[in-house]
Amino acid sequence: MWLIVLAGLLHCASAYDVDLKKLDGLAKARVEVELKEALCCIRVCRLVVFTLTLYCEAFLRAQFGLNV
């Protein structure tokens, strides 16, 4: 019984032609998109940290007359 099910599954799987180059290209494209999104996130985080630093320095100057 299991042999018949396995043979049926193998027959169905072999019916599809898989283009390995196309799969490789799709995988690389996905990695490139994820890297671009990560770089964008890093740039936004860097901008937020820079802006917070400026606000903190301005606050310290205004409240305590400190030059940071």
Protein backbone atom coordinates (compact mmCIF):
# COMPACT_ATOMS: atom_id res chain seq x y z
CA MET A 1 0.00 0.00 0.00
CA TRP A 2 2.74 2.45 1.01
CA LEU A 3 4.69 1.55 -2.10
CA ILE A 4 1.75 2.52 -4.32
CA VAL A 5 1.35 5.87 -2.51
CA LEU A 6 5.08 6.56 -2.79
CA ALA A 7 5.13 5.65 -6.47
CA GLY A 8 2.17 7.98 -7.05
CA LEU A 9 3.90 10.86 -5.27
CA LEU A 10 7.13 10.33 -7.20
CA HIS A 11 5.19 10.24 -10.45
CA CYS A 12 3.46 13.56 -9.62
CA ALA A 13 6.73 15.18 -8.53
CA SER A 14 8.53 14.12 -11.70
CA ALA A 15 5.78 15.65 -13.84
CA TYR A 16 6.94 19.17 -12.96
CA ASP A 17 10.01 20.56 -14.69
CA VAL A 18 12.10 22.56 -12.26
CA ASP A 19 14.40 25.20 -13.69
CA LEU A 20 17.22 25.38 -11.17
CA LYS A 21 18.65 28.57 -12.70
CA LYS A 22 15.29 30.29 -12.32
CA LEU A 23 15.01 29.13 -8.71
CA ASP A 24 18.54 30.36 -8.01
CA GLY A 25 17.74 33.73 -9.58
CA LEU A 26 14.58 34.07 -7.50
CA ALA A 27 16.48 33.24 -4.33
CA LYS A 28 19.18 35.81 -5.11
CA ALA A 29 16.56 38.46 -5.89
CA ARG A 30 14.85 37.80 -2.56
CA VAL A 31 18.15 38.14 -0.70
CA GLU A 32 18.88 41.42 -2.51
CA VAL A 33 15.46 42.80 -1.56
CA GLU A 34 15.93 41.79 2.06
CA LEU A 35 19.40 43.40 2.14
CA LYS A 36 18.03 46.63 0.69
CA GLU A 37 15.28 46.68 3.32
CA ALA A 38 17.83 46.06 6.08
CA LEU A 39 20.06 48.88 4.81
CA CYS A 40 17.06 51.20 4.69
CA CYS A 41 16.22 50.30 8.29
CA ILE A 42 19.81 50.94 9.37
CA ARG A 43 19.77 54.36 7.69
CA VAL A 44 16.52 55.29 9.43
CA CYS A 45 17.87 54.13 12.80
CA ARG A 46 21.06 56.11 12.25
CA LEU A 47 19.02 59.22 11.42
CA VAL A 48 16.90 58.76 14.57
CA VAL A 49 19.98 58.39 16.76
CA PHE A 50 21.60 61.44 15.18
CA THR A 51 18.43 63.51 15.68
CA LEU A 52 18.07 62.40 19.31
CA THR A 53 21.70 63.30 19.94
CA LEU A 54 21.13 66.80 18.59
CA TYR A 55 18.02 67.23 20.75
CA CYS A 56 19.85 66.00 23.85
CA GLU A 57 22.74 68.40 23.23
CA ALA A 58 20.32 71.29 22.71
CA PHE A 59 18.48 70.37 25.93
CA LEU A 60 21.71 70.23 27.94
CA ARG A 61 22.81 73.60 26.56
CA ALA A 62 19.45 75.21 27.30
CA GLN A 63 18.95 73.76 30.79
CA PHE A 64 22.43 73.65 32.20
CA GLY A 65 24.54 75.78 29.89
CA LEU A 66 26.68 72.74 29.11
CA ASN A 67 28.66 72.54 25.92
CA VAL A 68 28.69 68.90 24.91
